[in-house]
N, C-alpha and C. Protein backbone atom coordinates (compact mmCIF):
# COMPACT_ATOMS: atom_id res chain seq x y z
N UNK A 1 3.67 -13.18 32.76
CA UNK A 1 3.99 -14.58 32.89
C UNK A 1 5.04 -14.93 31.84
N UNK A 2 6.00 -15.65 32.25
CA UNK A 2 7.00 -16.11 31.31
C UNK A 2 6.57 -17.42 30.68
N UNK A 3 7.08 -17.72 29.50
CA UNK A 3 6.74 -18.99 28.87
C UNK A 3 7.26 -20.17 29.69
N UNK A 4 6.52 -21.23 29.70
CA UNK A 4 6.92 -22.43 30.43
C UNK A 4 7.75 -23.32 29.52
N UNK A 5 8.44 -24.27 30.12
CA UNK A 5 9.25 -25.18 29.33
C UNK A 5 8.36 -26.12 28.53
N UNK A 6 8.92 -26.65 27.49
CA UNK A 6 8.15 -27.53 26.62
C UNK A 6 8.43 -28.99 26.96
N UNK A 7 7.64 -29.85 26.41
CA UNK A 7 7.83 -31.28 26.59
C UNK A 7 7.30 -31.98 25.36
N UNK A 8 7.67 -33.23 25.21
CA UNK A 8 7.19 -34.05 24.10
C UNK A 8 5.90 -34.74 24.53
N UNK A 9 4.79 -34.40 23.90
CA UNK A 9 3.51 -35.02 24.23
C UNK A 9 3.59 -36.52 24.01
N UNK A 10 4.28 -36.94 22.98
CA UNK A 10 4.37 -38.38 22.68
C UNK A 10 5.05 -39.15 23.81
N UNK A 11 5.88 -38.48 24.61
CA UNK A 11 6.52 -39.15 25.75
C UNK A 11 5.51 -39.55 26.81
N UNK A 12 4.34 -38.96 26.80
CA UNK A 12 3.31 -39.25 27.80
C UNK A 12 2.38 -40.38 27.39
N UNK A 13 2.49 -40.82 26.14
CA UNK A 13 1.63 -41.91 25.65
C UNK A 13 2.14 -43.26 26.17
N UNK A 14 1.23 -44.18 26.41
CA UNK A 14 1.67 -45.54 26.76
C UNK A 14 2.52 -46.12 25.63
N UNK A 15 3.45 -46.97 25.98
CA UNK A 15 4.39 -47.52 25.00
C UNK A 15 3.71 -48.18 23.82
N UNK A 16 2.58 -48.83 24.06
CA UNK A 16 1.91 -49.57 22.99
C UNK A 16 1.08 -48.67 22.06
N UNK A 17 1.03 -47.36 22.33
CA UNK A 17 0.22 -46.45 21.53
C UNK A 17 1.05 -45.84 20.41
N UNK A 18 0.52 -45.93 19.21
CA UNK A 18 1.17 -45.32 18.05
C UNK A 18 0.80 -43.83 18.02
N UNK A 19 1.78 -42.93 18.13
CA UNK A 19 1.48 -41.50 18.13
C UNK A 19 0.71 -41.04 16.90
N UNK A 20 0.86 -41.73 15.79
CA UNK A 20 0.16 -41.36 14.56
C UNK A 20 -1.33 -41.68 14.63
N UNK A 21 -1.72 -42.53 15.59
CA UNK A 21 -3.12 -42.94 15.68
C UNK A 21 -3.96 -42.03 16.59
N UNK A 22 -3.34 -41.06 17.21
CA UNK A 22 -4.07 -40.14 18.09
C UNK A 22 -3.80 -38.70 17.68
N UNK A 23 -4.75 -37.85 17.99
CA UNK A 23 -4.61 -36.43 17.71
C UNK A 23 -4.01 -35.76 18.94
N UNK A 24 -2.84 -35.20 18.80
CA UNK A 24 -2.15 -34.60 19.94
C UNK A 24 -1.99 -33.10 19.74
N UNK A 25 -2.19 -32.31 20.80
CA UNK A 25 -1.96 -30.88 20.70
C UNK A 25 -0.47 -30.61 20.61
N UNK A 26 -0.12 -29.52 20.01
CA UNK A 26 1.27 -29.14 19.94
C UNK A 26 1.70 -28.50 21.25
N UNK A 27 2.74 -29.02 21.84
CA UNK A 27 3.25 -28.46 23.08
C UNK A 27 4.71 -28.08 22.90
N UNK A 28 5.09 -27.82 21.68
CA UNK A 28 6.48 -27.51 21.37
C UNK A 28 6.70 -26.01 21.22
N UNK A 29 7.83 -25.58 21.67
CA UNK A 29 8.23 -24.19 21.46
C UNK A 29 9.75 -24.18 21.47
N UNK A 30 10.33 -23.71 20.40
CA UNK A 30 11.77 -23.63 20.37
C UNK A 30 12.22 -22.31 21.00
N UNK A 31 13.52 -22.14 21.13
CA UNK A 31 14.04 -20.94 21.81
C UNK A 31 13.68 -19.66 21.06
N UNK A 32 13.58 -19.73 19.72
CA UNK A 32 13.17 -18.55 18.96
C UNK A 32 11.75 -18.13 19.31
N UNK A 33 10.85 -19.11 19.43
CA UNK A 33 9.45 -18.82 19.76
C UNK A 33 9.34 -18.26 21.18
N UNK A 34 10.12 -18.81 22.10
CA UNK A 34 10.10 -18.31 23.48
C UNK A 34 10.64 -16.89 23.53
N UNK A 35 11.73 -16.64 22.83
CA UNK A 35 12.30 -15.28 22.79
C UNK A 35 11.31 -14.29 22.20
N UNK A 36 10.61 -14.69 21.14
CA UNK A 36 9.62 -13.79 20.53
C UNK A 36 8.46 -13.53 21.49
N UNK A 37 8.03 -14.54 22.23
CA UNK A 37 6.96 -14.34 23.20
C UNK A 37 7.41 -13.35 24.28
N UNK A 38 8.63 -13.47 24.75
CA UNK A 38 9.11 -12.53 25.76
C UNK A 38 9.20 -11.11 25.19
N UNK A 39 9.62 -10.99 23.95
CA UNK A 39 9.64 -9.66 23.31
C UNK A 39 8.21 -9.11 23.20
N UNK A 40 7.26 -9.96 22.84
CA UNK A 40 5.87 -9.53 22.74
C UNK A 40 5.36 -9.06 24.10
N UNK A 41 5.64 -9.81 25.15
CA UNK A 41 5.22 -9.41 26.50
C UNK A 41 5.85 -8.08 26.89
N UNK A 42 7.09 -7.86 26.53
CA UNK A 42 7.75 -6.58 26.84
C UNK A 42 7.11 -5.43 26.06
N UNK A 43 6.73 -5.69 24.81
CA UNK A 43 6.05 -4.65 24.03
C UNK A 43 4.69 -4.32 24.64
N UNK A 44 3.96 -5.34 25.06
CA UNK A 44 2.66 -5.12 25.71
C UNK A 44 2.87 -4.32 27.00
N UNK A 45 3.85 -4.71 27.78
CA UNK A 45 4.18 -4.00 29.01
C UNK A 45 4.49 -2.53 28.73
N UNK A 46 5.34 -2.27 27.77
CA UNK A 46 5.71 -0.90 27.43
C UNK A 46 4.53 -0.09 26.95
N UNK A 47 3.66 -0.69 26.16
CA UNK A 47 2.48 0.00 25.67
C UNK A 47 1.55 0.39 26.81
N UNK A 48 1.36 -0.51 27.77
CA UNK A 48 0.48 -0.21 28.91
C UNK A 48 1.09 0.83 29.84
N UNK A 49 2.41 0.85 29.93
CA UNK A 49 3.07 1.87 30.76
C UNK A 49 2.89 3.25 30.15
N UNK A 50 2.83 3.30 28.81
CA UNK A 50 2.64 4.58 28.12
C UNK A 50 1.17 5.01 28.13
N UNK A 51 0.26 4.06 27.91
CA UNK A 51 -1.17 4.36 27.85
C UNK A 51 -1.94 3.16 28.35
N UNK A 52 -2.51 3.21 29.50
CA UNK A 52 -2.97 4.35 30.29
C UNK A 52 -2.00 4.87 31.34
N UNK A 53 -0.75 4.46 31.31
CA UNK A 53 0.23 4.99 32.25
C UNK A 53 0.26 4.22 33.56
N UNK A 54 0.21 2.91 33.48
CA UNK A 54 0.22 2.09 34.68
C UNK A 54 1.59 1.46 34.90
N UNK A 55 1.84 1.01 36.09
CA UNK A 55 3.09 0.33 36.42
C UNK A 55 2.96 -1.15 36.09
N UNK A 56 2.91 -1.44 34.82
CA UNK A 56 2.78 -2.83 34.37
C UNK A 56 4.10 -3.55 34.56
N UNK A 57 4.03 -4.76 35.11
CA UNK A 57 5.23 -5.57 35.21
C UNK A 57 4.88 -7.02 34.95
N UNK A 58 5.89 -7.77 34.59
CA UNK A 58 5.71 -9.19 34.33
C UNK A 58 6.12 -9.97 35.57
N UNK A 59 5.50 -11.10 35.79
CA UNK A 59 5.84 -11.92 36.94
C UNK A 59 7.32 -12.30 36.93
N UNK A 60 7.89 -12.46 35.75
CA UNK A 60 9.30 -12.83 35.67
C UNK A 60 10.22 -11.69 36.09
N UNK A 61 9.69 -10.46 36.23
CA UNK A 61 10.50 -9.32 36.66
C UNK A 61 10.90 -9.42 38.13
N UNK A 62 10.16 -10.20 38.91
CA UNK A 62 10.45 -10.29 40.35
C UNK A 62 11.84 -10.85 40.59
N UNK A 63 12.29 -11.72 39.71
CA UNK A 63 13.64 -12.26 39.77
C UNK A 63 13.96 -12.88 41.13
N UNK A 64 13.00 -13.60 41.69
CA UNK A 64 13.21 -14.31 42.95
C UNK A 64 13.54 -15.76 42.61
N UNK A 65 14.70 -16.24 43.03
CA UNK A 65 15.06 -17.62 42.70
C UNK A 65 14.04 -18.61 43.26
N UNK A 66 13.74 -19.64 42.49
CA UNK A 66 12.76 -20.64 42.91
C UNK A 66 13.22 -21.38 44.17
N UNK A 67 14.51 -21.35 44.44
CA UNK A 67 15.01 -21.97 45.67
C UNK A 67 14.56 -21.18 46.89
N UNK A 68 14.34 -19.87 46.71
CA UNK A 68 13.89 -19.01 47.81
C UNK A 68 12.38 -19.07 47.99
N UNK A 69 11.64 -19.08 46.88
CA UNK A 69 10.19 -19.09 46.94
C UNK A 69 9.66 -19.75 45.67
N UNK A 70 8.77 -20.73 45.82
CA UNK A 70 8.26 -21.44 44.66
C UNK A 70 7.42 -20.52 43.77
N UNK A 71 7.22 -20.93 42.54
CA UNK A 71 6.54 -20.09 41.54
C UNK A 71 5.11 -19.76 41.93
N UNK A 72 4.37 -20.71 42.49
CA UNK A 72 2.98 -20.45 42.86
C UNK A 72 2.90 -19.41 43.97
N UNK A 73 3.77 -19.52 44.97
CA UNK A 73 3.78 -18.55 46.06
C UNK A 73 4.16 -17.17 45.55
N UNK A 74 5.14 -17.11 44.65
CA UNK A 74 5.52 -15.83 44.05
C UNK A 74 4.32 -15.18 43.36
N UNK A 75 3.62 -15.96 42.55
CA UNK A 75 2.48 -15.42 41.80
C UNK A 75 1.38 -14.95 42.74
N UNK A 76 1.11 -15.71 43.79
CA UNK A 76 0.07 -15.32 44.75
C UNK A 76 0.46 -14.01 45.43
N UNK A 77 1.70 -13.88 45.86
CA UNK A 77 2.14 -12.66 46.54
C UNK A 77 2.09 -11.45 45.59
N UNK A 78 2.50 -11.64 44.35
CA UNK A 78 2.43 -10.55 43.37
C UNK A 78 0.99 -10.14 43.12
N UNK A 79 0.10 -11.12 43.00
CA UNK A 79 -1.32 -10.82 42.77
C UNK A 79 -1.92 -10.06 43.94
N UNK A 80 -1.57 -10.44 45.16
CA UNK A 80 -2.09 -9.75 46.34
C UNK A 80 -1.67 -8.28 46.36
N UNK A 81 -0.50 -8.00 45.82
CA UNK A 81 0.03 -6.63 45.85
C UNK A 81 -0.42 -5.79 44.66
N UNK A 82 -1.15 -6.39 43.73
CA UNK A 82 -1.50 -5.72 42.48
C UNK A 82 -2.95 -5.24 42.46
N UNK A 83 -3.18 -4.12 41.78
CA UNK A 83 -4.55 -3.63 41.58
C UNK A 83 -5.29 -4.47 40.56
N UNK A 84 -4.57 -4.97 39.59
CA UNK A 84 -5.17 -5.81 38.55
C UNK A 84 -4.15 -6.88 38.17
N UNK A 85 -4.66 -8.05 37.85
CA UNK A 85 -3.81 -9.17 37.44
C UNK A 85 -4.31 -9.65 36.09
N UNK A 86 -3.39 -9.78 35.15
CA UNK A 86 -3.73 -10.30 33.83
C UNK A 86 -2.83 -11.49 33.54
N UNK A 87 -3.45 -12.61 33.26
CA UNK A 87 -2.73 -13.79 32.80
C UNK A 87 -2.84 -13.82 31.29
N UNK A 88 -1.71 -13.96 30.62
CA UNK A 88 -1.68 -14.04 29.17
C UNK A 88 -1.28 -15.48 28.81
N UNK A 89 -2.18 -16.16 28.10
CA UNK A 89 -1.94 -17.55 27.75
C UNK A 89 -1.81 -17.65 26.23
N UNK A 90 -0.57 -17.72 25.76
CA UNK A 90 -0.36 -17.87 24.32
C UNK A 90 -0.48 -19.33 23.91
N UNK A 91 -0.60 -19.53 22.63
CA UNK A 91 -0.64 -20.90 22.09
C UNK A 91 0.81 -21.31 21.84
N UNK A 92 1.51 -21.55 22.93
CA UNK A 92 2.94 -21.82 22.86
C UNK A 92 3.33 -22.68 24.05
N UNK A 93 4.03 -23.76 23.80
CA UNK A 93 4.59 -24.53 24.89
C UNK A 93 3.56 -25.26 25.73
N UNK A 94 3.96 -25.55 26.95
CA UNK A 94 3.17 -26.32 27.90
C UNK A 94 2.36 -25.37 28.76
N UNK A 95 1.04 -25.40 28.64
CA UNK A 95 0.18 -24.51 29.42
C UNK A 95 -0.32 -25.13 30.72
N UNK A 96 0.11 -26.35 31.02
CA UNK A 96 -0.33 -26.99 32.26
C UNK A 96 0.10 -26.16 33.47
N UNK A 97 1.36 -25.73 33.49
CA UNK A 97 1.85 -24.92 34.60
C UNK A 97 1.09 -23.61 34.72
N UNK A 98 0.74 -23.02 33.59
CA UNK A 98 -0.03 -21.77 33.59
C UNK A 98 -1.38 -22.00 34.23
N UNK A 99 -2.05 -23.09 33.86
CA UNK A 99 -3.36 -23.39 34.44
C UNK A 99 -3.29 -23.59 35.94
N UNK A 100 -2.24 -24.27 36.40
CA UNK A 100 -2.08 -24.48 37.84
C UNK A 100 -1.83 -23.16 38.55
N UNK A 101 -1.04 -22.31 37.96
CA UNK A 101 -0.72 -21.02 38.56
C UNK A 101 -1.96 -20.11 38.60
N UNK A 102 -2.70 -20.09 37.52
CA UNK A 102 -3.93 -19.30 37.47
C UNK A 102 -4.89 -19.78 38.54
N UNK A 103 -5.09 -21.08 38.64
CA UNK A 103 -5.97 -21.64 39.65
C UNK A 103 -5.52 -21.29 41.06
N UNK A 104 -4.23 -21.34 41.31
CA UNK A 104 -3.71 -21.00 42.65
C UNK A 104 -3.99 -19.56 42.99
N UNK A 105 -3.73 -18.66 42.05
CA UNK A 105 -3.95 -17.24 42.31
C UNK A 105 -5.43 -16.95 42.48
N UNK A 106 -6.26 -17.47 41.60
CA UNK A 106 -7.70 -17.22 41.70
C UNK A 106 -8.29 -17.80 42.98
N UNK A 107 -7.85 -18.97 43.35
CA UNK A 107 -8.37 -19.58 44.58
C UNK A 107 -7.99 -18.72 45.79
N UNK A 108 -6.77 -18.19 45.79
CA UNK A 108 -6.32 -17.34 46.89
C UNK A 108 -7.09 -16.02 46.93
N UNK A 109 -7.39 -15.47 45.79
CA UNK A 109 -8.01 -14.14 45.71
C UNK A 109 -9.54 -14.19 45.76
N UNK A 110 -10.13 -15.35 45.55
CA UNK A 110 -11.58 -15.45 45.46
C UNK A 110 -12.21 -15.24 46.83
N UNK A 111 -13.33 -14.54 46.96
CA UNK A 111 -14.08 -13.89 45.88
C UNK A 111 -13.64 -12.45 45.63
N UNK A 112 -12.84 -11.87 46.51
CA UNK A 112 -12.53 -10.45 46.42
C UNK A 112 -11.71 -10.05 45.20
N UNK A 113 -10.85 -10.92 44.71
CA UNK A 113 -9.98 -10.54 43.61
C UNK A 113 -10.48 -10.87 42.23
N UNK A 114 -11.62 -11.54 42.12
CA UNK A 114 -12.11 -11.96 40.81
C UNK A 114 -12.36 -10.78 39.88
N UNK A 115 -12.87 -9.68 40.44
CA UNK A 115 -13.12 -8.49 39.62
C UNK A 115 -11.84 -7.88 39.07
N UNK A 116 -10.74 -8.17 39.70
CA UNK A 116 -9.45 -7.57 39.33
C UNK A 116 -8.58 -8.52 38.50
N UNK A 117 -9.16 -9.62 38.03
CA UNK A 117 -8.38 -10.63 37.32
C UNK A 117 -8.93 -10.84 35.92
N UNK A 118 -8.04 -10.85 34.95
CA UNK A 118 -8.38 -11.12 33.56
C UNK A 118 -7.47 -12.22 33.05
N UNK A 119 -8.05 -13.16 32.35
CA UNK A 119 -7.28 -14.18 31.67
C UNK A 119 -7.47 -13.95 30.18
N UNK A 120 -6.40 -13.59 29.50
CA UNK A 120 -6.43 -13.35 28.05
C UNK A 120 -5.72 -14.52 27.38
N UNK A 121 -6.44 -15.22 26.52
CA UNK A 121 -5.85 -16.37 25.84
C UNK A 121 -5.87 -16.16 24.34
N UNK A 122 -4.83 -16.66 23.73
CA UNK A 122 -4.74 -16.56 22.27
C UNK A 122 -5.91 -17.32 21.66
N UNK A 123 -6.51 -16.73 20.64
CA UNK A 123 -7.63 -17.36 19.95
C UNK A 123 -7.21 -18.75 19.49
N UNK A 124 -8.11 -19.69 19.63
CA UNK A 124 -7.81 -21.05 19.20
C UNK A 124 -7.47 -21.97 20.36
N UNK A 125 -7.18 -21.42 21.52
CA UNK A 125 -6.91 -22.26 22.70
C UNK A 125 -8.25 -22.63 23.32
N UNK A 126 -8.42 -23.90 23.58
CA UNK A 126 -9.62 -24.32 24.29
C UNK A 126 -9.21 -25.25 25.41
N UNK A 127 -9.91 -25.14 26.52
CA UNK A 127 -9.57 -25.94 27.69
C UNK A 127 -10.74 -25.90 28.67
N UNK A 128 -10.92 -26.99 29.37
CA UNK A 128 -11.95 -27.00 30.42
C UNK A 128 -11.59 -26.01 31.51
N UNK A 129 -10.30 -25.76 31.71
CA UNK A 129 -9.87 -24.80 32.73
C UNK A 129 -10.36 -23.40 32.39
N UNK A 130 -10.41 -23.05 31.13
CA UNK A 130 -10.90 -21.73 30.75
C UNK A 130 -12.34 -21.54 31.19
N UNK A 131 -13.17 -22.56 31.04
CA UNK A 131 -14.54 -22.48 31.51
C UNK A 131 -14.61 -22.39 33.02
N UNK A 132 -13.69 -23.07 33.70
CA UNK A 132 -13.66 -23.03 35.15
C UNK A 132 -13.33 -21.66 35.71
N UNK A 133 -12.57 -20.89 34.95
CA UNK A 133 -12.20 -19.54 35.39
C UNK A 133 -13.45 -18.69 35.60
N UNK A 134 -14.42 -18.82 34.70
CA UNK A 134 -15.63 -18.01 34.81
C UNK A 134 -16.66 -18.63 35.76
N UNK A 135 -16.76 -19.95 35.77
CA UNK A 135 -17.80 -20.56 36.60
C UNK A 135 -17.38 -20.71 38.05
N UNK A 136 -16.16 -21.09 38.33
CA UNK A 136 -15.72 -21.29 39.72
C UNK A 136 -15.37 -19.97 40.38
N UNK A 137 -14.62 -19.11 39.67
CA UNK A 137 -14.09 -17.91 40.30
C UNK A 137 -14.73 -16.62 39.80
N UNK A 138 -15.58 -16.69 38.82
CA UNK A 138 -16.25 -15.52 38.28
C UNK A 138 -15.27 -14.47 37.76
N UNK A 139 -14.12 -14.92 37.32
CA UNK A 139 -13.13 -14.01 36.75
C UNK A 139 -13.42 -13.83 35.26
N UNK A 140 -12.89 -12.77 34.72
CA UNK A 140 -13.12 -12.44 33.32
C UNK A 140 -12.12 -13.18 32.43
N UNK A 141 -12.60 -13.56 31.27
CA UNK A 141 -11.76 -14.25 30.31
C UNK A 141 -12.04 -13.67 28.93
N UNK A 142 -10.98 -13.51 28.14
CA UNK A 142 -11.17 -12.96 26.79
C UNK A 142 -10.13 -13.56 25.84
N UNK A 143 -10.55 -13.87 24.63
CA UNK A 143 -9.57 -14.29 23.62
C UNK A 143 -8.94 -13.07 22.96
N UNK A 144 -7.78 -13.27 22.37
CA UNK A 144 -7.16 -12.21 21.57
C UNK A 144 -6.60 -12.82 20.29
N UNK A 145 -6.63 -12.02 19.22
CA UNK A 145 -6.16 -12.50 17.93
C UNK A 145 -4.70 -12.18 17.66
N UNK A 146 -4.27 -10.99 18.10
CA UNK A 146 -2.91 -10.56 17.84
C UNK A 146 -2.48 -9.59 18.94
N UNK A 147 -1.28 -9.09 18.82
CA UNK A 147 -0.72 -8.21 19.86
C UNK A 147 -1.54 -6.95 20.06
N UNK A 148 -2.00 -6.34 18.99
CA UNK A 148 -2.81 -5.13 19.10
C UNK A 148 -4.11 -5.41 19.83
N UNK A 149 -4.75 -6.50 19.50
CA UNK A 149 -5.99 -6.91 20.15
C UNK A 149 -5.73 -7.18 21.64
N UNK A 150 -4.63 -7.84 21.96
CA UNK A 150 -4.27 -8.13 23.34
C UNK A 150 -4.09 -6.84 24.14
N UNK A 151 -3.36 -5.90 23.58
CA UNK A 151 -3.14 -4.62 24.26
C UNK A 151 -4.46 -3.90 24.49
N UNK A 152 -5.32 -3.88 23.48
CA UNK A 152 -6.63 -3.23 23.63
C UNK A 152 -7.46 -3.88 24.73
N UNK A 153 -7.49 -5.21 24.75
CA UNK A 153 -8.26 -5.93 25.78
C UNK A 153 -7.75 -5.60 27.18
N UNK A 154 -6.43 -5.63 27.35
CA UNK A 154 -5.85 -5.35 28.67
C UNK A 154 -6.07 -3.88 29.04
N UNK A 155 -5.86 -3.00 28.10
CA UNK A 155 -6.04 -1.57 28.37
C UNK A 155 -7.48 -1.28 28.82
N UNK A 156 -8.46 -1.83 28.13
CA UNK A 156 -9.85 -1.63 28.51
C UNK A 156 -10.13 -2.18 29.91
N UNK A 157 -9.59 -3.33 30.21
CA UNK A 157 -9.76 -3.94 31.53
C UNK A 157 -9.16 -3.06 32.62
N UNK A 158 -7.95 -2.61 32.42
CA UNK A 158 -7.26 -1.79 33.42
C UNK A 158 -7.97 -0.46 33.62
N UNK A 159 -8.39 0.16 32.54
CA UNK A 159 -9.11 1.44 32.65
C UNK A 159 -10.42 1.25 33.42
N UNK A 160 -11.10 0.13 33.18
CA UNK A 160 -12.33 -0.15 33.92
C UNK A 160 -12.03 -0.29 35.42
N UNK A 161 -10.97 -0.99 35.77
CA UNK A 161 -10.58 -1.14 37.19
C UNK A 161 -10.31 0.24 37.79
N UNK A 162 -9.55 1.06 37.07
CA UNK A 162 -9.22 2.40 37.56
C UNK A 162 -10.49 3.23 37.76
N UNK A 163 -11.38 3.18 36.81
CA UNK A 163 -12.63 3.95 36.89
C UNK A 163 -13.50 3.46 38.05
N UNK A 164 -13.60 2.16 38.18
CA UNK A 164 -14.41 1.60 39.28
C UNK A 164 -13.81 1.95 40.64
N UNK A 165 -12.49 1.99 40.73
CA UNK A 165 -11.85 2.39 41.99
C UNK A 165 -12.14 3.87 42.30
N UNK A 166 -12.07 4.69 41.29
CA UNK A 166 -12.22 6.13 41.50
C UNK A 166 -13.66 6.55 41.69
N UNK A 167 -14.58 5.97 40.93
CA UNK A 167 -15.96 6.46 40.94
C UNK A 167 -17.01 5.41 41.33
N UNK A 168 -16.60 4.19 41.49
CA UNK A 168 -17.65 3.17 41.59
C UNK A 168 -17.59 2.26 42.77
N UNK A 169 -17.81 1.00 42.46
CA UNK A 169 -18.06 -0.01 43.46
C UNK A 169 -16.85 -0.85 43.84
N UNK A 170 -15.67 -0.43 43.44
CA UNK A 170 -14.48 -1.22 43.73
C UNK A 170 -13.58 -0.45 44.70
N UNK A 171 -13.32 -1.06 45.84
CA UNK A 171 -12.49 -0.43 46.87
C UNK A 171 -11.09 -0.16 46.33
N UNK A 172 -10.60 1.08 46.46
CA UNK A 172 -9.24 1.37 46.00
C UNK A 172 -8.21 0.49 46.71
N UNK A 173 -7.19 0.11 45.98
CA UNK A 173 -6.15 -0.74 46.54
C UNK A 173 -4.83 -0.02 46.54
């Protein structure tokens, strides 16, 4: 998943509300932060391609213009074609679009795809949507502290999918 665009949370407050009087989450990400997140995603991708040797790709790799196919449809089609889907939710920028995309994919894949879906969120992110992932769709969710932890979580998830396909209760895809 690529980082989403940012917005000013204070722009969403009613005019008569003093931004200093409310506690607002940070939804800002400058271009340096976005570039670093993309580099991190590429490092995670490269690590997974090396060990356990999977064809890991990012949704942004599809390079399909939004004029041809909207983002939700792209994500659903990519998920349908994948053995495993991992959503990575960093504490960066606007996560509203991410939540909508995750919900769209999970709703499309439920109940058959829930076993093949992991949502990894940076530690410290809390949301009612995160709880909905496990209760509505029975998909797996895990926090991560840093890049190494993220890679380990995804690697364990993917290896479990591979093992279950080869020896267990999950139909090979």
